[in-house]
């Protein structure tokens, strides 16, 4: 997943896949879902993003990992 924010036009794009979008579903004014022809979601575009979400929150992240899943057992 890649997140790109363009502060000049106040647009946020969350890229969820590597394929090119073949369709767009507008779920609300200024909120668009990019899809493949098979209906898979590959991107989310939010226009006037700073008015709709907290930009600081979306551009910062935390990652929680389970130690057990990271530990490799040696036979």
N, C-alpha and C. Protein backbone atom coordinates (compact mmCIF):
# COMPACT_ATOMS: atom_id res chain seq x y z
N UNK A 1 0.85 -1.17 0.00
CA UNK A 1 0.00 0.00 0.00
C UNK A 1 0.90 1.24 0.00
N UNK A 2 0.54 2.19 -0.84
CA UNK A 2 1.25 3.46 -0.90
C UNK A 2 0.24 4.58 -0.71
N UNK A 3 0.65 5.60 0.03
CA UNK A 3 -0.22 6.74 0.28
C UNK A 3 0.47 7.98 -0.26
N UNK A 4 -0.25 8.74 -1.08
CA UNK A 4 0.30 9.98 -1.63
C UNK A 4 -0.68 11.11 -1.34
N UNK A 5 -0.14 12.20 -0.79
CA UNK A 5 -0.96 13.37 -0.53
C UNK A 5 -0.38 14.55 -1.30
N UNK A 6 -1.20 15.22 -2.07
CA UNK A 6 -0.80 16.41 -2.81
C UNK A 6 -1.43 17.60 -2.11
N UNK A 7 -0.61 18.35 -1.38
CA UNK A 7 -1.17 19.46 -0.60
C UNK A 7 -1.56 20.66 -1.45
N UNK A 8 -1.05 20.74 -2.68
CA UNK A 8 -1.43 21.86 -3.55
C UNK A 8 -2.89 21.75 -3.99
N UNK A 9 -3.35 20.53 -4.24
CA UNK A 9 -4.74 20.35 -4.65
C UNK A 9 -5.58 19.66 -3.57
N UNK A 10 -4.94 19.38 -2.43
CA UNK A 10 -5.61 18.76 -1.28
C UNK A 10 -6.29 17.43 -1.66
N UNK A 11 -5.48 16.56 -2.27
CA UNK A 11 -5.99 15.25 -2.69
C UNK A 11 -5.12 14.15 -2.10
N UNK A 12 -5.77 13.11 -1.63
CA UNK A 12 -5.09 11.96 -1.05
C UNK A 12 -5.40 10.75 -1.91
N UNK A 13 -4.36 9.95 -2.22
CA UNK A 13 -4.57 8.73 -2.98
C UNK A 13 -3.93 7.58 -2.24
N UNK A 14 -4.70 6.55 -2.00
CA UNK A 14 -4.21 5.33 -1.35
C UNK A 14 -4.18 4.25 -2.42
N UNK A 15 -2.97 3.84 -2.78
CA UNK A 15 -2.79 2.83 -3.83
C UNK A 15 -2.72 1.45 -3.18
N UNK A 16 -3.63 0.58 -3.57
CA UNK A 16 -3.74 -0.73 -2.95
C UNK A 16 -3.27 -1.87 -3.86
N UNK A 17 -2.95 -1.56 -5.08
CA UNK A 17 -2.53 -2.60 -6.01
C UNK A 17 -1.63 -2.03 -7.09
N UNK A 18 -1.16 -2.90 -7.97
CA UNK A 18 -0.25 -2.46 -9.02
C UNK A 18 -0.93 -2.34 -10.38
N UNK A 19 -2.13 -2.87 -10.51
CA UNK A 19 -2.84 -2.81 -11.78
C UNK A 19 -3.36 -1.39 -12.04
N UNK A 20 -3.58 -1.10 -13.33
CA UNK A 20 -4.17 0.19 -13.69
C UNK A 20 -5.67 0.12 -13.47
N UNK A 21 -6.25 1.21 -12.99
CA UNK A 21 -7.70 1.19 -12.78
C UNK A 21 -8.45 1.14 -14.11
N UNK A 22 -9.52 0.37 -14.12
CA UNK A 22 -10.35 0.26 -15.31
C UNK A 22 -11.75 0.81 -15.07
N UNK A 23 -12.02 1.13 -13.82
CA UNK A 23 -13.32 1.68 -13.48
C UNK A 23 -13.23 2.51 -12.22
N UNK A 24 -14.21 3.37 -12.04
CA UNK A 24 -14.26 4.23 -10.86
C UNK A 24 -15.67 4.19 -10.29
N UNK A 25 -15.74 4.06 -8.97
CA UNK A 25 -17.02 4.12 -8.28
C UNK A 25 -16.96 5.32 -7.34
N UNK A 26 -17.85 6.28 -7.55
CA UNK A 26 -17.91 7.43 -6.66
C UNK A 26 -18.85 7.06 -5.52
N UNK A 27 -18.28 6.96 -4.30
CA UNK A 27 -19.12 6.55 -3.16
C UNK A 27 -19.71 7.75 -2.42
N UNK A 28 -19.11 8.90 -2.63
CA UNK A 28 -19.59 10.14 -2.05
C UNK A 28 -18.93 11.25 -2.85
N UNK A 29 -19.41 12.48 -2.73
CA UNK A 29 -18.81 13.56 -3.49
C UNK A 29 -17.33 13.70 -3.12
N UNK A 30 -16.45 13.50 -4.12
CA UNK A 30 -15.02 13.63 -3.91
C UNK A 30 -14.34 12.41 -3.32
N UNK A 31 -15.05 11.31 -3.20
CA UNK A 31 -14.45 10.07 -2.70
C UNK A 31 -14.69 8.99 -3.76
N UNK A 32 -13.60 8.54 -4.38
CA UNK A 32 -13.69 7.61 -5.50
C UNK A 32 -12.90 6.34 -5.21
N UNK A 33 -13.45 5.23 -5.65
CA UNK A 33 -12.80 3.92 -5.52
C UNK A 33 -12.40 3.48 -6.93
N UNK A 34 -11.11 3.24 -7.15
CA UNK A 34 -10.64 2.72 -8.42
C UNK A 34 -10.70 1.20 -8.39
N UNK A 35 -11.21 0.61 -9.47
CA UNK A 35 -11.38 -0.84 -9.51
C UNK A 35 -10.82 -1.42 -10.81
N UNK A 36 -10.59 -2.73 -10.78
CA UNK A 36 -10.24 -3.46 -11.99
C UNK A 36 -11.53 -3.92 -12.66
N UNK A 37 -11.41 -4.53 -13.82
CA UNK A 37 -12.61 -5.03 -14.51
C UNK A 37 -13.24 -6.19 -13.74
N UNK A 38 -12.45 -6.83 -12.85
CA UNK A 38 -12.97 -7.92 -12.03
C UNK A 38 -13.62 -7.41 -10.74
N UNK A 39 -13.60 -6.09 -10.54
CA UNK A 39 -14.22 -5.52 -9.35
C UNK A 39 -13.31 -5.42 -8.14
N UNK A 40 -12.01 -5.69 -8.32
CA UNK A 40 -11.07 -5.57 -7.20
C UNK A 40 -10.72 -4.11 -6.97
N UNK A 41 -10.66 -3.71 -5.71
CA UNK A 41 -10.31 -2.34 -5.35
C UNK A 41 -8.80 -2.18 -5.42
N UNK A 42 -8.35 -1.19 -6.20
CA UNK A 42 -6.90 -0.98 -6.32
C UNK A 42 -6.49 0.42 -5.88
N UNK A 43 -7.45 1.28 -5.57
CA UNK A 43 -7.10 2.61 -5.12
C UNK A 43 -8.29 3.37 -4.57
N UNK A 44 -7.96 4.33 -3.70
CA UNK A 44 -8.98 5.20 -3.11
C UNK A 44 -8.50 6.64 -3.25
N UNK A 45 -9.33 7.47 -3.85
CA UNK A 45 -8.99 8.88 -4.03
C UNK A 45 -9.94 9.72 -3.19
N UNK A 46 -9.35 10.65 -2.44
CA UNK A 46 -10.16 11.56 -1.62
C UNK A 46 -9.79 12.99 -1.99
N UNK A 47 -10.74 13.70 -2.59
CA UNK A 47 -10.54 15.11 -2.94
C UNK A 47 -10.99 15.98 -1.78
N UNK A 48 -10.38 17.16 -1.65
CA UNK A 48 -10.61 18.03 -0.48
C UNK A 48 -10.37 17.23 0.79
N UNK A 49 -9.29 16.49 0.78
CA UNK A 49 -8.99 15.51 1.83
C UNK A 49 -8.91 16.12 3.23
N UNK A 50 -8.29 17.28 3.35
CA UNK A 50 -8.12 17.86 4.69
C UNK A 50 -9.45 18.25 5.33
N UNK A 51 -10.50 18.37 4.51
CA UNK A 51 -11.83 18.68 5.04
C UNK A 51 -12.58 17.42 5.45
N UNK A 52 -12.10 16.25 5.00
CA UNK A 52 -12.82 15.01 5.23
C UNK A 52 -12.15 14.07 6.23
N UNK A 53 -10.83 14.17 6.35
CA UNK A 53 -10.09 13.31 7.28
C UNK A 53 -8.96 14.10 7.92
N UNK A 54 -8.40 13.54 8.98
CA UNK A 54 -7.25 14.14 9.64
C UNK A 54 -6.00 13.70 8.87
N UNK A 55 -5.45 14.59 8.06
CA UNK A 55 -4.30 14.26 7.21
C UNK A 55 -3.10 13.79 8.03
N UNK A 56 -2.88 14.38 9.18
CA UNK A 56 -1.75 13.97 10.02
C UNK A 56 -1.87 12.51 10.42
N UNK A 57 -3.08 12.05 10.69
CA UNK A 57 -3.30 10.67 11.09
C UNK A 57 -3.02 9.70 9.95
N UNK A 58 -3.49 10.02 8.76
CA UNK A 58 -3.34 9.11 7.64
C UNK A 58 -1.89 9.07 7.14
N UNK A 59 -1.14 10.15 7.33
CA UNK A 59 0.23 10.18 6.86
C UNK A 59 1.24 9.68 7.90
N UNK A 60 0.75 9.38 9.09
CA UNK A 60 1.60 8.74 10.09
C UNK A 60 1.04 7.35 10.32
N UNK A 61 1.88 6.44 10.69
CA UNK A 61 1.41 5.07 10.87
C UNK A 61 2.17 4.38 11.98
N UNK A 62 1.58 3.32 12.47
CA UNK A 62 2.27 2.45 13.42
C UNK A 62 2.05 1.02 12.96
N UNK A 63 2.96 0.19 13.32
CA UNK A 63 2.91 -1.20 12.89
C UNK A 63 3.04 -2.07 14.12
N UNK A 64 2.05 -2.93 14.33
CA UNK A 64 2.08 -3.85 15.45
C UNK A 64 2.36 -5.24 14.89
N UNK A 65 3.38 -5.86 15.43
CA UNK A 65 3.76 -7.18 14.97
C UNK A 65 3.67 -8.18 16.11
N UNK A 66 3.27 -9.37 15.78
CA UNK A 66 3.21 -10.46 16.74
C UNK A 66 4.58 -11.13 16.78
N UNK A 67 5.24 -11.09 17.94
CA UNK A 67 6.58 -11.66 18.07
C UNK A 67 6.61 -13.13 17.66
N UNK A 68 5.57 -13.86 18.00
CA UNK A 68 5.53 -15.28 17.70
C UNK A 68 5.57 -15.53 16.19
N UNK A 69 4.88 -14.69 15.44
CA UNK A 69 4.87 -14.89 13.99
C UNK A 69 6.20 -14.49 13.37
N UNK A 70 6.98 -13.66 14.05
CA UNK A 70 8.27 -13.25 13.52
C UNK A 70 9.40 -14.20 13.91
N UNK A 71 9.18 -14.97 14.96
CA UNK A 71 10.21 -15.90 15.43
C UNK A 71 10.24 -17.11 14.53
N UNK A 72 11.40 -17.40 14.03
CA UNK A 72 11.54 -18.55 13.14
C UNK A 72 12.12 -19.71 13.96
N UNK A 73 11.45 -20.84 13.87
CA UNK A 73 11.91 -22.02 14.60
C UNK A 73 13.05 -22.68 13.84
N UNK A 74 14.07 -23.00 14.55
CA UNK A 74 15.22 -23.68 13.95
C UNK A 74 15.15 -25.14 14.31
N UNK A 75 15.14 -25.99 13.31
CA UNK A 75 15.02 -27.43 13.55
C UNK A 75 16.36 -28.07 13.80
